[in-house]
Amino acid sequence: MCLSTAYDIGGGTEKLIADRVTGISVEEGAVRLTTLLGTQTLVEGRLKSVDLNRNVILIEAKQ
């Protein structure tokens, strides 16, 4: 099983949002992340990229 780590890249730095992410859904103006334990995090902003080789999710959160 491949688990990913999500980062907020707003402001020019990478800030950890969630780790062990198993699901991503894009909603109007937001990204919902679901972790291995079922915890959901809703981030207002936009999905910038998903790198499945490195297991990294980049989100530009609204400031």
N, C-alpha and C. Protein backbone atom coordinates (compact mmCIF):
# COMPACT_ATOMS: atom_id res chain seq x y z
N MET A 1 0.85 -1.18 0.00
CA MET A 1 0.00 0.00 0.00
C MET A 1 0.89 1.23 0.00
N CYS A 2 0.58 2.17 -0.88
CA CYS A 2 1.33 3.42 -0.96
C CYS A 2 0.60 4.51 -0.19
N LEU A 3 1.28 5.08 0.77
CA LEU A 3 0.72 6.18 1.56
C LEU A 3 1.49 7.44 1.22
N SER A 4 0.79 8.55 1.15
CA SER A 4 1.42 9.81 0.77
C SER A 4 1.41 10.81 1.91
N THR A 5 2.22 11.84 1.74
CA THR A 5 2.29 12.95 2.69
C THR A 5 1.86 14.21 1.95
N ALA A 6 0.99 14.99 2.59
CA ALA A 6 0.46 16.21 1.97
C ALA A 6 1.09 17.44 2.62
N TYR A 7 1.47 18.39 1.75
CA TYR A 7 2.10 19.63 2.21
C TYR A 7 1.36 20.83 1.64
N ASP A 8 1.31 21.91 2.43
CA ASP A 8 0.84 23.21 1.98
C ASP A 8 2.05 23.95 1.46
N ILE A 9 2.00 24.40 0.19
CA ILE A 9 3.14 25.11 -0.39
C ILE A 9 2.88 26.60 -0.51
N GLY A 10 1.81 27.09 0.11
CA GLY A 10 1.54 28.52 0.10
C GLY A 10 2.59 29.27 0.89
N GLY A 11 2.94 30.44 0.45
CA GLY A 11 3.93 31.24 1.18
C GLY A 11 5.37 30.86 0.89
N GLY A 12 5.59 29.97 -0.07
CA GLY A 12 6.95 29.63 -0.46
C GLY A 12 7.64 28.57 0.37
N THR A 13 6.96 28.02 1.38
CA THR A 13 7.55 26.95 2.18
C THR A 13 6.60 25.76 2.19
N GLU A 14 7.14 24.58 2.49
CA GLU A 14 6.32 23.37 2.62
C GLU A 14 5.95 23.17 4.08
N LYS A 15 4.66 23.14 4.36
CA LYS A 15 4.16 22.91 5.72
C LYS A 15 3.34 21.62 5.70
N LEU A 16 3.65 20.71 6.59
CA LEU A 16 2.96 19.43 6.66
C LEU A 16 1.48 19.63 6.98
N ILE A 17 0.63 19.00 6.17
CA ILE A 17 -0.82 19.01 6.43
C ILE A 17 -1.24 17.68 7.02
N ALA A 18 -0.86 16.58 6.35
CA ALA A 18 -1.26 15.25 6.81
C ALA A 18 -0.29 14.22 6.26
N ASP A 19 -0.09 13.14 7.02
CA ASP A 19 0.71 12.04 6.52
C ASP A 19 -0.13 10.77 6.50
N ARG A 20 0.37 9.74 5.87
CA ARG A 20 -0.34 8.47 5.68
C ARG A 20 -1.68 8.69 4.97
N VAL A 21 -1.66 9.56 3.95
CA VAL A 21 -2.87 9.88 3.19
C VAL A 21 -3.16 8.73 2.22
N THR A 22 -4.41 8.26 2.24
CA THR A 22 -4.83 7.18 1.34
C THR A 22 -5.83 7.65 0.29
N GLY A 23 -6.44 8.83 0.50
CA GLY A 23 -7.44 9.32 -0.44
C GLY A 23 -7.42 10.82 -0.58
N ILE A 24 -7.71 11.27 -1.80
CA ILE A 24 -7.78 12.70 -2.11
C ILE A 24 -9.05 12.93 -2.91
N SER A 25 -9.83 13.92 -2.52
CA SER A 25 -10.96 14.33 -3.35
C SER A 25 -10.94 15.85 -3.46
N VAL A 26 -11.22 16.31 -4.68
CA VAL A 26 -11.22 17.74 -4.95
C VAL A 26 -12.66 18.21 -4.97
N GLU A 27 -12.95 19.18 -4.12
CA GLU A 27 -14.27 19.76 -4.02
C GLU A 27 -14.17 21.21 -4.49
N GLU A 28 -15.27 21.87 -4.60
CA GLU A 28 -15.25 23.26 -5.08
C GLU A 28 -14.45 24.13 -4.12
N GLY A 29 -13.27 24.54 -4.55
CA GLY A 29 -12.44 25.43 -3.75
C GLY A 29 -11.73 24.78 -2.59
N ALA A 30 -11.70 23.44 -2.53
CA ALA A 30 -11.06 22.76 -1.40
C ALA A 30 -10.58 21.37 -1.81
N VAL A 31 -9.70 20.82 -0.99
CA VAL A 31 -9.18 19.48 -1.18
C VAL A 31 -9.42 18.71 0.12
N ARG A 32 -10.04 17.53 0.02
CA ARG A 32 -10.29 16.69 1.19
C ARG A 32 -9.30 15.53 1.18
N LEU A 33 -8.57 15.39 2.30
CA LEU A 33 -7.59 14.32 2.45
C LEU A 33 -8.11 13.32 3.47
N THR A 34 -7.96 12.04 3.17
CA THR A 34 -8.36 10.99 4.10
C THR A 34 -7.12 10.16 4.42
N THR A 35 -6.87 9.95 5.72
CA THR A 35 -5.69 9.19 6.14
C THR A 35 -6.03 7.72 6.33
N LEU A 36 -4.99 6.94 6.58
CA LEU A 36 -5.11 5.51 6.80
C LEU A 36 -6.08 5.19 7.94
N LEU A 37 -6.13 6.03 8.94
CA LEU A 37 -7.01 5.81 10.09
C LEU A 37 -8.41 6.39 9.89
N GLY A 38 -8.66 6.96 8.70
CA GLY A 38 -9.99 7.50 8.39
C GLY A 38 -10.20 8.95 8.75
N THR A 39 -9.18 9.60 9.28
CA THR A 39 -9.28 11.02 9.61
C THR A 39 -9.35 11.83 8.33
N GLN A 40 -10.30 12.77 8.28
CA GLN A 40 -10.44 13.62 7.10
C GLN A 40 -10.04 15.05 7.44
N THR A 41 -9.31 15.65 6.52
CA THR A 41 -8.88 17.04 6.65
C THR A 41 -9.33 17.78 5.40
N LEU A 42 -10.05 18.88 5.59
CA LEU A 42 -10.49 19.70 4.47
C LEU A 42 -9.62 20.94 4.41
N VAL A 43 -8.95 21.14 3.28
CA VAL A 43 -8.05 22.28 3.10
C VAL A 43 -8.63 23.18 2.02
N GLU A 44 -8.93 24.42 2.38
CA GLU A 44 -9.39 25.38 1.37
C GLU A 44 -8.20 25.79 0.54
N GLY A 45 -8.33 25.62 -0.77
CA GLY A 45 -7.24 25.93 -1.68
C GLY A 45 -7.34 25.05 -2.90
N ARG A 46 -6.19 24.85 -3.57
CA ARG A 46 -6.22 24.04 -4.78
C ARG A 46 -5.08 23.04 -4.80
N LEU A 47 -5.36 21.93 -5.40
CA LEU A 47 -4.38 20.86 -5.57
C LEU A 47 -3.38 21.29 -6.65
N LYS A 48 -2.10 21.29 -6.32
CA LYS A 48 -1.08 21.70 -7.28
C LYS A 48 -0.47 20.49 -7.99
N SER A 49 -0.12 19.43 -7.23
CA SER A 49 0.45 18.26 -7.87
C SER A 49 0.41 17.06 -6.93
N VAL A 50 0.46 15.87 -7.57
CA VAL A 50 0.55 14.62 -6.84
C VAL A 50 1.67 13.83 -7.50
N ASP A 51 2.70 13.51 -6.74
CA ASP A 51 3.83 12.73 -7.25
C ASP A 51 3.72 11.33 -6.65
N LEU A 52 3.29 10.36 -7.46
CA LEU A 52 3.09 9.00 -6.97
C LEU A 52 4.40 8.24 -6.79
N ASN A 53 5.47 8.69 -7.42
CA ASN A 53 6.77 8.05 -7.21
C ASN A 53 7.36 8.43 -5.86
N ARG A 54 7.20 9.69 -5.48
CA ARG A 54 7.73 10.17 -4.20
C ARG A 54 6.68 10.14 -3.09
N ASN A 55 5.40 9.87 -3.45
CA ASN A 55 4.29 9.86 -2.50
C ASN A 55 4.12 11.21 -1.81
N VAL A 56 4.11 12.27 -2.64
CA VAL A 56 3.99 13.63 -2.13
C VAL A 56 2.81 14.32 -2.81
N ILE A 57 1.98 14.98 -1.99
CA ILE A 57 0.83 15.75 -2.45
C ILE A 57 1.10 17.21 -2.10
N LEU A 58 1.01 18.09 -3.10
CA LEU A 58 1.23 19.52 -2.87
C LEU A 58 -0.07 20.27 -3.06
N ILE A 59 -0.43 21.05 -2.04
CA ILE A 59 -1.67 21.84 -2.05
C ILE A 59 -1.31 23.29 -1.76
N GLU A 60 -1.88 24.20 -2.54
CA GLU A 60 -1.70 25.62 -2.28
C GLU A 60 -2.93 26.09 -1.51
N ALA A 61 -2.79 26.21 -0.20
CA ALA A 61 -3.91 26.59 0.66
C ALA A 61 -4.17 28.08 0.54
N LYS A 62 -5.44 28.46 0.71
CA LYS A 62 -5.80 29.88 0.74
C LYS A 62 -5.22 30.51 1.98
N GLN A 63 -4.71 31.71 1.82
CA GLN A 63 -4.12 32.42 2.96
C GLN A 63 -5.12 33.34 3.60
